[in-house]
PDB file of N, CA and C in Angstrom:
ATOM      1  N   MET A   1      94.363 105.052 110.171  1.00  0.00           N
ATOM      2  CA  MET A   1      95.525 104.326 109.699  1.00  0.00           C
ATOM      3  C   MET A   1      95.564 104.359 108.172  1.00  0.00           C
ATOM      4  N   PRO A   2      96.240 105.327 107.628  1.00  0.00           N
ATOM      5  CA  PRO A   2      96.270 105.469 106.164  1.00  0.00           C
ATOM      6  C   PRO A   2      97.248 104.516 105.491  1.00  0.00           C
ATOM      7  N   ILE A   3      96.897 104.149 104.282  1.00  0.00           N
ATOM      8  CA  ILE A   3      97.784 103.365 103.427  1.00  0.00           C
ATOM      9  C   ILE A   3      98.394 104.341 102.427  1.00  0.00           C
ATOM     10  N   TYR A   4      99.726 104.397 102.400  1.00  0.00           N
ATOM     11  CA  TYR A   4     100.432 105.285 101.490  1.00  0.00           C
ATOM     12  C   TYR A   4     101.156 104.467 100.425  1.00  0.00           C
ATOM     13  N   GLU A   5     101.398 105.097  99.283  1.00  0.00           N
ATOM     14  CA  GLU A   5     102.183 104.480  98.216  1.00  0.00           C
ATOM     15  C   GLU A   5     103.608 105.027  98.295  1.00  0.00           C
ATOM     16  N   PHE A   6     104.588 104.137  98.138  1.00  0.00           N
ATOM     17  CA  PHE A   6     105.997 104.510  98.205  1.00  0.00           C
ATOM     18  C   PHE A   6     106.739 103.966  97.001  1.00  0.00           C
ATOM     19  N   HIS A   7     107.914 104.552  96.755  1.00  0.00           N
ATOM     20  CA  HIS A   7     108.819 104.080  95.709  1.00  0.00           C
ATOM     21  C   HIS A   7     110.183 103.861  96.348  1.00  0.00           C
ATOM     22  N   CYS A   8     110.778 102.692  96.097  1.00  0.00           N
ATOM     23  CA  CYS A   8     112.098 102.371  96.627  1.00  0.00           C
ATOM     24  C   CYS A   8     113.164 102.906  95.675  1.00  0.00           C
ATOM     25  N   ASP A   9     114.065 103.718  96.208  1.00  0.00           N
ATOM     26  CA  ASP A   9     115.144 104.287  95.396  1.00  0.00           C
ATOM     27  C   ASP A   9     116.226 103.260  95.074  1.00  0.00           C
ATOM     28  N   GLN A  10     116.298 102.200  95.872  1.00  0.00           N
ATOM     29  CA  GLN A  10     117.348 101.204  95.672  1.00  0.00           C
ATOM     30  C   GLN A  10     116.973 100.133  94.650  1.00  0.00           C
ATOM     31  N   CYS A  11     115.782  99.533  94.784  1.00  0.00           N
ATOM     32  CA  CYS A  11     115.405  98.441  93.863  1.00  0.00           C
ATOM     33  C   CYS A  11     114.300  98.834  92.885  1.00  0.00           C
ATOM     34  N   ASN A  12     113.826 100.108  92.933  1.00  0.00           N
ATOM     35  CA  ASN A  12     112.855 100.644  91.979  1.00  0.00           C
ATOM     36  C   ASN A  12     111.461 100.040  92.109  1.00  0.00           C
ATOM     37  N   LEU A  13     111.104  99.528  93.280  1.00  0.00           N
ATOM     38  CA  LEU A  13     109.796  98.915  93.511  1.00  0.00           C
ATOM     39  C   LEU A  13     108.802  99.962  93.996  1.00  0.00           C
ATOM     40  N   ASP A  14     107.579  99.950  93.450  1.00  0.00           N
ATOM     41  CA  ASP A  14     106.469 100.747  93.968  1.00  0.00           C
ATOM     42  C   ASP A  14     105.635  99.829  94.843  1.00  0.00           C
ATOM     43  N   PHE A  15     105.277 100.307  96.057  1.00  0.00           N
ATOM     44  CA  PHE A  15     104.530  99.455  96.979  1.00  0.00           C
ATOM     45  C   PHE A  15     103.661 100.308  97.892  1.00  0.00           C
ATOM     46  N   GLU A  16     102.702  99.658  98.554  1.00  0.00           N
ATOM     47  CA  GLU A  16     101.828 100.315  99.525  1.00  0.00           C
ATOM     48  C   GLU A  16     102.241  99.887 100.924  1.00  0.00           C
ATOM     49  N   TYR A  17     102.048 100.789 101.901  1.00  0.00           N
ATOM     50  CA  TYR A  17     102.438 100.495 103.271  1.00  0.00           C
ATOM     51  C   TYR A  17     101.404 101.102 104.207  1.00  0.00           C
ATOM     52  N   LEU A  18     100.886 100.307 105.125  1.00  0.00           N
ATOM     53  CA  LEU A  18      99.944 100.771 106.130  1.00  0.00           C
ATOM     54  C   LEU A  18     100.744 101.428 107.241  1.00  0.00           C
ATOM     55  N   VAL A  19     100.597 102.732 107.415  1.00  0.00           N
ATOM     56  CA  VAL A  19     101.366 103.477 108.413  1.00  0.00           C
ATOM     57  C   VAL A  19     100.551 103.578 109.693  1.00  0.00           C
ATOM     58  N   ILE A  20     101.087 103.012 110.760  1.00  0.00           N
ATOM     59  CA  ILE A  20     100.433 103.036 112.064  1.00  0.00           C
ATOM     60  C   ILE A  20     101.312 103.841 113.015  1.00  0.00           C
ATOM     61  N   GLY A  21     100.769 104.943 113.534  1.00  0.00           N
ATOM     62  CA  GLY A  21     101.522 105.775 114.468  1.00  0.00           C
ATOM     63  C   GLY A  21     102.758 106.365 113.830  1.00  0.00           C
ATOM     64  N   LYS A  22     103.907 106.127 114.463  1.00  0.00           N
ATOM     65  CA  LYS A  22     105.171 106.671 113.969  1.00  0.00           C
ATOM     66  C   LYS A  22     106.007 105.608 113.274  1.00  0.00           C
ATOM     67  N   ASP A  23     105.333 104.642 112.633  1.00  0.00           N
ATOM     68  CA  ASP A  23     106.037 103.603 111.868  1.00  0.00           C
ATOM     69  C   ASP A  23     106.982 104.223 110.855  1.00  0.00           C
ATOM     70  N   LYS A  24     108.127 103.616 110.677  1.00  0.00           N
ATOM     71  CA  LYS A  24     109.073 103.996 109.635  1.00  0.00           C
ATOM     72  C   LYS A  24     108.985 102.953 108.532  1.00  0.00           C
ATOM     73  N   PRO A  25     108.331 103.262 107.409  1.00  0.00           N
ATOM     74  CA  PRO A  25     108.176 102.274 106.338  1.00  0.00           C
ATOM     75  C   PRO A  25     109.511 101.897 105.710  1.00  0.00           C
ATOM     76  N   PHE A  26     109.564 100.688 105.177  1.00  0.00           N
ATOM     77  CA  PHE A  26     110.751 100.185 104.490  1.00  0.00           C
ATOM     78  C   PHE A  26     110.298  99.366 103.301  1.00  0.00           C
ATOM     79  N   CYS A  27     111.202  99.143 102.367  1.00  0.00           N
ATOM     80  CA  CYS A  27     110.894  98.385 101.154  1.00  0.00           C
ATOM     81  C   CYS A  27     110.698  96.914 101.513  1.00  0.00           C
ATOM     82  N   PRO A  28     109.585  96.315 101.111  1.00  0.00           N
ATOM     83  CA  PRO A  28     109.363  94.902 101.424  1.00  0.00           C
ATOM     84  C   PRO A  28     110.267  93.959 100.635  1.00  0.00           C
ATOM     85  N   SER A  29     110.868  94.451  99.560  1.00  0.00           N
ATOM     86  CA  SER A  29     111.728  93.620  98.725  1.00  0.00           C
ATOM     87  C   SER A  29     113.175  93.599  99.212  1.00  0.00           C
ATOM     88  N   CYS A  30     113.780  94.791  99.333  1.00  0.00           N
ATOM     89  CA  CYS A  30     115.204  94.852  99.688  1.00  0.00           C
ATOM     90  C   CYS A  30     115.448  95.337 101.112  1.00  0.00           C
ATOM     91  N   LYS A  31     114.369  95.705 101.839  1.00  0.00           N
ATOM     92  CA  LYS A  31     114.407  96.124 103.249  1.00  0.00           C
ATOM     93  C   LYS A  31     115.080  97.471 103.510  1.00  0.00           C
ATOM     94  N   THR A  32     115.403  98.240 102.477  1.00  0.00           N
ATOM     95  CA  THR A  32     116.024  99.548 102.682  1.00  0.00           C
ATOM     96  C   THR A  32     114.986 100.571 103.138  1.00  0.00           C
ATOM     97  N   LYS A  33     115.452 101.628 103.780  1.00  0.00           N
ATOM     98  CA  LYS A  33     114.573 102.731 104.157  1.00  0.00           C
ATOM     99  C   LYS A  33     114.781 103.924 103.228  1.00  0.00           C
ATOM    100  N   LYS A  34     115.500 103.713 102.121  1.00  0.00           N
ATOM    101  CA  LYS A  34     115.717 104.759 101.115  1.00  0.00           C
ATOM    102  C   LYS A  34     114.533 104.760 100.160  1.00  0.00           C
ATOM    103  N   ILE A  35     113.404 105.283 100.641  1.00  0.00           N
ATOM    104  CA  ILE A  35     112.148 105.301  99.890  1.00  0.00           C
ATOM    105  C   ILE A  35     111.578 106.712  99.938  1.00  0.00           C
ATOM    106  N   HIS A  36     110.634 106.982  99.046  1.00  0.00           N
ATOM    107  CA  HIS A  36     109.910 108.243  99.131  1.00  0.00           C
ATOM    108  C   HIS A  36     108.436 108.011  98.813  1.00  0.00           C
ATOM    109  N   LYS A  37     107.607 108.864  99.404  1.00  0.00           N
ATOM    110  CA  LYS A  37     106.157 108.745  99.253  1.00  0.00           C
ATOM    111  C   LYS A  37     105.742 109.229  97.876  1.00  0.00           C
ATOM    112  N   LEU A  38     104.844 108.487  97.228  1.00  0.00           N
ATOM    113  CA  LEU A  38     104.311 108.861  95.924  1.00  0.00           C
ATOM    114  C   LEU A  38     103.016 109.635  96.096  1.00  0.00           C
ATOM    115  N   MET A  39     102.711 110.460  95.108  1.00  0.00           N
ATOM    116  CA  MET A  39     101.437 111.157  95.091  1.00  0.00           C
ATOM    117  C   MET A  39     100.400 110.182  94.548  1.00  0.00           C
ATOM    118  N   SER A  40      99.428 109.829  95.361  1.00  0.00           N
ATOM    119  CA  SER A  40      98.412 108.861  94.964  1.00  0.00           C
ATOM    120  C   SER A  40      97.303 109.536  94.175  1.00  0.00           C
ATOM    121  N   SER A  41      96.762 108.814  93.213  1.00  0.00           N
ATOM    122  CA  SER A  41      95.605 109.336  92.488  1.00  0.00           C
ATOM    123  C   SER A  41      94.357 108.989  93.282  1.00  0.00           C
ATOM    124  N   CYS A  42      93.357 109.815  93.167  1.00  0.00           N
ATOM    125  CA  CYS A  42      92.102 109.560  93.878  1.00  0.00           C
ATOM    126  C   CYS A  42      90.955 109.828  92.916  1.00  0.00           C
ATOM    127  N   GLY A  43      89.841 109.289  93.210  1.00  0.00           N
ATOM    128  CA  GLY A  43      88.662 109.492  92.380  1.00  0.00           C
ATOM    129  C   GLY A  43      87.510 109.996  93.219  1.00  0.00           C
ATOM    130  N   PHE A  44      86.527 110.590  92.578  1.00  0.00           N
ATOM    131  CA  PHE A  44      85.347 111.048  93.290  1.00  0.00           C
ATOM    132  C   PHE A  44      84.150 111.032  92.365  1.00  0.00           C
ATOM    133  N   VAL A  45      82.966 111.054  92.950  1.00  0.00           N
ATOM    134  CA  VAL A  45      81.718 111.139  92.200  1.00  0.00           C
ATOM    135  C   VAL A  45      80.976 112.351  92.731  1.00  0.00           C
ATOM    136  N   SER A  46      80.546 113.219  91.822  1.00  0.00           N
ATOM    137  CA  SER A  46      79.843 114.427  92.203  1.00  0.00           C
ATOM    138  C   SER A  46      78.434 114.374  91.632  1.00  0.00           C
ATOM    139  N   LYS A  47      77.439 114.568  92.468  1.00  0.00           N
ATOM    140  CA  LYS A  47      76.051 114.604  92.018  1.00  0.00           C
ATOM    141  C   LYS A  47      75.749 115.985  91.477  1.00  0.00           C
ATOM    142  N   GLY A  48      75.173 116.046  90.303  1.00  0.00           N
ATOM    143  CA  GLY A  48      74.806 117.322  89.701  1.00  0.00           C
ATOM    144  C   GLY A  48      73.573 117.899  90.379  1.00  0.00           C
ATOM    145  N   ALA A  49      73.189 119.084  89.977  1.00  0.00           N
ATOM    146  CA  ALA A  49      71.999 119.720  90.526  1.00  0.00           C
ATOM    147  C   ALA A  49      70.794 118.839  90.252  1.00  0.00           C
ATOM    148  N   GLY A  50      70.013 118.563  91.224  1.00  0.00           N
ATOM    149  CA  GLY A  50      68.849 117.697  91.064  1.00  0.00           C
ATOM    150  C   GLY A  50      69.160 116.241  91.363  1.00  0.00           C
ATOM    151  N   GLY A  51      70.409 115.893  91.546  1.00  0.00           N
ATOM    152  CA  GLY A  51      70.792 114.544  91.954  1.00  0.00           C
ATOM    153  C   GLY A  51      70.860 113.522  90.845  1.00  0.00           C
ATOM    154  N   GLY A  52      70.423 113.840  89.617  1.00  0.00           N
ATOM    155  CA  GLY A  52      70.407 112.845  88.560  1.00  0.00           C
ATOM    156  C   GLY A  52      71.702 112.733  87.769  1.00  0.00           C
ATOM    157  N   GLU A  53      72.351 113.829  87.555  1.00  0.00           N
ATOM    158  CA  GLU A  53      73.560 113.858  86.735  1.00  0.00           C
ATOM    159  C   GLU A  53      74.781 113.569  87.615  1.00  0.00           C
ATOM    160  N   THR A  54      75.676 112.712  87.157  1.00  0.00           N
ATOM    161  CA  THR A  54      76.893 112.448  87.923  1.00  0.00           C
ATOM    162  C   THR A  54      78.122 112.721  87.068  1.00  0.00           C
ATOM    163  N   VAL A  55      79.140 113.180  87.702  1.00  0.00           N
ATOM    164  CA  VAL A  55      80.417 113.432  87.049  1.00  0.00           C
ATOM    165  C   VAL A  55      81.460 112.622  87.792  1.00  0.00           C
ATOM    166  N   LYS A  56      82.156 111.741  87.081  1.00  0.00           N
ATOM    167  CA  LYS A  56      83.211 110.949  87.706  1.00  0.00           C
ATOM    168  C   LYS A  56      84.539 111.502  87.249  1.00  0.00           C
ATOM    169  N   SER A  57      85.465 111.586  88.165  1.00  0.00           N
ATOM    170  CA  SER A  57      86.773 112.112  87.825  1.00  0.00           C
ATOM    171  C   SER A  57      87.844 111.346  88.564  1.00  0.00           C
ATOM    172  N   SER A  58      89.023 111.333  88.001  1.00  0.00           N
ATOM    173  CA  SER A  58      90.178 110.727  88.649  1.00  0.00           C
ATOM    174  C   SER A  58      91.399 111.547  88.292  1.00  0.00           C
ATOM    175  N   ALA A  59      92.303 111.712  89.250  1.00  0.00           N
ATOM    176  CA  ALA A  59      93.507 112.501  89.000  1.00  0.00           C
ATOM    177  C   ALA A  59      94.409 111.835  87.982  1.00  0.00           C
ATOM    178  N   SER A  60      94.253 110.531  87.786  1.00  0.00           N
ATOM    179  CA  SER A  60      95.129 109.838  86.850  1.00  0.00           C
ATOM    180  C   SER A  60      94.589 109.814  85.428  1.00  0.00           C
ATOM    181  N   SER A  61      93.400 110.382  85.195  1.00  0.00           N
ATOM    182  CA  SER A  61      92.832 110.364  83.841  1.00  0.00           C
ATOM    183  C   SER A  61      92.915 111.757  83.228  1.00  0.00           C
ATOM    184  N   SER A  62      94.100 112.188  82.906  1.00  0.00           N
ATOM    185  CA  SER A  62      94.282 113.523  82.354  1.00  0.00           C
ATOM    186  C   SER A  62      94.066 113.505  80.852  1.00  0.00           C
ATOM    187  N   GLY A  63      94.023 114.698  80.285  1.00  0.00           N
ATOM    188  CA  GLY A  63      93.840 114.823  78.854  1.00  0.00           C
ATOM    189  C   GLY A  63      95.100 114.503  78.067  1.00  0.00           C
ATOM    190  N   CYS A  64      96.256 114.523  78.708  1.00  0.00           N
ATOM    191  CA  CYS A  64      97.508 114.206  78.021  1.00  0.00           C
ATOM    192  C   CYS A  64      98.373 113.348  78.929  1.00  0.00           C
ATOM    193  N   GLY A  65      99.441 112.812  78.415  1.00  0.00           N
ATOM    194  CA  GLY A  65     100.288 111.928  79.193  1.00  0.00           C
ATOM    195  C   GLY A  65     101.403 112.627  79.936  1.00  0.00           C
ATOM    196  N   SER A  66     101.490 113.961  79.850  1.00  0.00           N
ATOM    197  CA  SER A  66     102.615 114.659  80.472  1.00  0.00           C
ATOM    198  C   SER A  66     102.380 115.069  81.915  1.00  0.00           C
ATOM    199  N   CYS A  67     101.156 114.934  82.415  1.00  0.00           N
ATOM    200  CA  CYS A  67     100.895 115.306  83.807  1.00  0.00           C
ATOM    201  C   CYS A  67      99.706 114.515  84.331  1.00  0.00           C
ATOM    202  N   SER A  68      99.377 114.741  85.605  1.00  0.00           N
ATOM    203  CA  SER A  68      98.245 114.036  86.200  1.00  0.00           C
ATOM    204  C   SER A  68      97.053 114.957  86.413  1.00  0.00           C
ATOM    205  N   ALA A  69      97.067 116.156  85.844  1.00  0.00           N
ATOM    206  CA  ALA A  69      95.942 117.073  85.978  1.00  0.00           C
ATOM    207  C   ALA A  69      94.747 116.555  85.193  1.00  0.00           C
ATOM    208  N   THR A  70      93.560 116.980  85.585  1.00  0.00           N
ATOM    209  CA  THR A  70      92.357 116.517  84.913  1.00  0.00           C
ATOM    210  C   THR A  70      91.996 117.362  83.704  1.00  0.00           C
ATOM    211  N   SER A  71      92.667 118.505  83.512  1.00  0.00           N
ATOM    212  CA  SER A  71      92.437 119.291  82.314  1.00  0.00           C
ATOM    213  C   SER A  71      93.761 119.846  81.812  1.00  0.00           C
ATOM    214  N   CYS A  72      93.900 119.979  80.509  1.00  0.00           N
ATOM    215  CA  CYS A  72      95.158 120.451  79.923  1.00  0.00           C
ATOM    216  C   CYS A  72      95.419 121.909  80.242  1.00  0.00           C
ATOM    217  N   GLY A  73      94.419 122.659  80.636  1.00  0.00           N
ATOM    218  CA  GLY A  73      94.623 124.053  81.009  1.00  0.00           C
ATOM    219  C   GLY A  73      95.436 124.206  82.271  1.00  0.00           C
ATOM    220  N   THR A  74      95.535 123.130  83.061  1.00  0.00           N
ATOM    221  CA  THR A  74      96.262 123.202  84.321  1.00  0.00           C
ATOM    222  C   THR A  74      97.765 123.164  84.127  1.00  0.00           C
ATOM    223  N   CYS A  75      98.261 122.241  83.302  1.00  0.00           N
ATOM    224  CA  CYS A  75      99.722 122.085  83.180  1.00  0.00           C
ATOM    225  C   CYS A  75     100.298 122.932  82.052  1.00  0.00           C
ATOM    226  N   GLY A  76      99.521 123.251  81.031  1.00  0.00           N
ATOM    227  CA  GLY A  76      99.969 124.100  79.952  1.00  0.00           C
ATOM    228  C   GLY A  76     100.894 123.446  78.957  1.00  0.00           C
ATOM    229  N   SER A  77     101.093 122.130  79.036  1.00  0.00           N
ATOM    230  CA  SER A  77     102.023 121.483  78.095  1.00  0.00           C
ATOM    231  C   SER A  77     101.328 121.025  76.814  1.00  0.00           C
ATOM    232  N   CYS A  78     100.039 121.102  76.758  1.00  0.00           N
ATOM    233  CA  CYS A  78      99.309 120.663  75.550  1.00  0.00           C
ATOM    234  C   CYS A  78      98.937 121.853  74.685  1.00  0.00           C
TER     235      CYS A  78
END
């Protein structure tokens, strides 16, 4: 049962919705179904060789404010 992030096109609200089966999500504020799913950021921890070194990353911590990539070489706008 995944929790997805949505944006309401009518009242401009961002919200989370627990989707169970074939549920049709709706805006909790204005009750419209004119919504779209947002791309959620995720994080991870990677153990380096030998288990001592760790690298933490998140899709929302990019090098610039123009995209959500983790390196500026990906989007090319920097």
